[in-house]
Amino acid sequence: MPQITVDYSGVLAHVFDREGFARALHTATVEIAAAKPEACKTQFRRSEYTAFGYEDPEEQGHAIVHVTLGLLAGRTEETKAKLTEAVLELLRKHVEEDEFVLHASAEVRDLDPSYRKFER
């Protein structure tokens, strides 16, 4: 915990500072949601094809980023909203402006009570 997943259009690969974003996001998650730094884990999933509306987003000049943060239950709705806003601000800072229209979104979810983990 927290489990963070970042799905993004492949066309952003050259303009998305993933390493810087992850570091800044982990810091924000610790500060806002009282997570432990060593518990923050982020997985980036690049999509070679994404669709926007009825057209190919690359032809229309659109790119998509969606961030999902899974946290153990117990955070207030205010804390979740503050973290979501921080994520969107960090995306603005870590995705360079390009010829694409950037569609960025984020959500914070409570992990299911069945959540378990192990480390080796």
Protein backbone atom coordinates (compact mmCIF):
# COMPACT_ATOMS: atom_id res chain seq x y z
CA MET A 1 0.00 0.00 0.00
CA PRO A 2 -0.39 2.36 -1.70
CA GLN A 3 -0.78 0.62 -5.03
CA ILE A 4 -0.47 3.18 -7.82
CA THR A 5 -1.10 2.46 -11.49
CA VAL A 6 -0.50 4.95 -14.30
CA ASP A 7 -2.02 4.14 -17.68
CA TYR A 8 -0.87 6.41 -20.50
CA SER A 9 -0.93 6.75 -24.27
CA GLY A 10 2.26 5.58 -25.93
CA VAL A 11 2.55 8.87 -27.81
CA LEU A 12 3.49 10.50 -24.49
CA ALA A 13 6.58 8.33 -24.00
CA HIS A 14 8.97 11.07 -25.08
CA VAL A 15 7.28 13.89 -23.10
CA PHE A 16 6.26 12.16 -19.84
CA ASP A 17 8.87 12.30 -17.07
CA ARG A 18 7.74 9.10 -15.38
CA GLU A 19 10.62 8.91 -12.90
CA GLY A 20 10.15 12.48 -11.73
CA PHE A 21 6.38 12.03 -11.57
CA ALA A 22 6.68 8.86 -9.46
CA ARG A 23 9.06 10.50 -6.97
CA ALA A 24 6.85 13.57 -6.63
CA LEU A 25 3.71 11.44 -6.38
CA HIS A 26 5.22 9.28 -3.63
CA THR A 27 6.15 12.43 -1.69
CA ALA A 28 2.63 13.83 -2.09
CA THR A 29 1.06 10.53 -1.05
CA VAL A 30 3.17 10.45 2.13
CA GLU A 31 2.36 14.08 2.97
CA ILE A 32 -1.35 14.02 2.13
CA ALA A 33 -2.46 10.47 2.92
CA ALA A 34 0.07 9.57 5.65
CA ALA A 35 1.48 6.66 3.64
CA LYS A 36 4.89 5.26 4.49
CA PRO A 37 7.53 6.16 1.87
CA GLU A 38 8.77 2.58 1.55
CA ALA A 39 5.21 1.39 0.89
CA CYS A 40 4.68 3.56 -2.20
CA LYS A 41 4.76 1.52 -5.41
CA THR A 42 3.94 2.81 -8.88
CA GLN A 43 3.49 0.77 -12.03
CA PHE A 44 3.40 2.49 -15.44
CA ARG A 45 1.43 0.84 -18.24
CA ARG A 46 2.02 2.27 -21.69
CA SER A 47 -0.74 1.70 -24.20
CA GLU A 48 0.24 1.60 -27.85
CA TYR A 49 -3.30 2.36 -28.89
CA THR A 50 -5.95 4.45 -27.19
CA ALA A 51 -9.21 5.76 -28.64
CA PHE A 52 -10.81 9.13 -28.13
CA GLY A 53 -14.33 9.74 -29.35
CA TYR A 54 -14.91 8.30 -32.80
CA GLU A 55 -11.46 8.94 -34.23
CA ASP A 56 -7.94 7.63 -33.72
CA PRO A 57 -6.57 9.88 -30.94
CA GLU A 58 -3.15 10.11 -32.58
CA GLU A 59 -4.73 11.44 -35.75
CA GLN A 60 -6.81 13.92 -33.75
CA GLY A 61 -3.89 14.88 -31.53
CA HIS A 62 -5.18 13.48 -28.23
CA ALA A 63 -3.30 11.68 -25.47
CA ILE A 64 -4.64 10.06 -22.30
CA VAL A 65 -3.23 9.57 -18.80
CA HIS A 66 -5.21 7.98 -15.96
CA VAL A 67 -3.79 7.46 -12.46
CA THR A 68 -5.39 5.07 -9.97
CA LEU A 69 -4.26 5.08 -6.34
CA GLY A 70 -5.33 2.20 -4.13
CA LEU A 71 -5.08 2.99 -0.43
CA LEU A 72 -6.05 1.07 2.68
CA ALA A 73 -9.49 2.19 3.86
CA GLY A 74 -9.78 4.95 6.41
CA ARG A 75 -8.90 8.14 4.55
CA THR A 76 -11.53 10.85 4.49
CA GLU A 77 -13.16 11.96 1.25
CA GLU A 78 -11.41 15.30 1.73
CA THR A 79 -8.01 13.58 1.88
CA LYS A 80 -8.79 11.54 -1.22
CA ALA A 81 -9.90 14.65 -3.13
CA LYS A 82 -6.79 16.56 -2.06
CA LEU A 83 -4.59 13.69 -3.25
CA THR A 84 -6.43 13.48 -6.57
CA GLU A 85 -5.94 17.22 -7.14
CA ALA A 86 -2.24 16.83 -6.31
CA VAL A 87 -1.94 14.04 -8.88
CA LEU A 88 -3.45 16.22 -11.60
CA GLU A 89 -1.13 19.10 -10.73
CA LEU A 90 1.88 16.76 -10.85
CA LEU A 91 0.81 15.51 -14.29
CA ARG A 92 0.74 19.12 -15.50
CA LYS A 93 4.33 19.51 -14.31
CA HIS A 94 5.71 16.18 -15.57
CA VAL A 95 4.12 15.96 -19.02
CA GLU A 96 5.77 18.45 -21.34
CA GLU A 97 3.53 20.43 -23.59
CA ASP A 98 3.33 18.91 -27.05
CA GLU A 99 1.03 19.01 -30.03
CA PHE A 100 -1.39 16.68 -28.20
CA VAL A 101 -4.43 17.61 -26.18
CA LEU A 102 -3.82 15.90 -22.84
CA HIS A 103 -6.78 14.20 -21.16
CA ALA A 104 -5.61 13.58 -17.58
CA SER A 105 -7.64 11.98 -14.81
CA ALA A 106 -7.04 10.43 -11.42
CA GLU A 107 -8.94 8.59 -8.73
CA VAL A 108 -8.26 7.31 -5.24
CA ARG A 109 -9.87 4.03 -4.26
CA ASP A 110 -10.03 2.08 -1.04
CA LEU A 111 -8.35 -1.27 -1.37
CA ASP A 112 -10.74 -4.15 -0.80
CA PRO A 113 -10.60 -5.73 2.67
CA SER A 114 -9.29 -8.88 0.98
CA TYR A 115 -6.07 -7.04 0.01
CA ARG A 116 -2.94 -8.92 1.07
CA LYS A 117 0.74 -8.64 0.13
CA PHE A 118 4.08 -10.27 0.74
CA GLU A 119 7.70 -9.29 0.25
CA ARG A 120 10.70 -11.52 -0.33
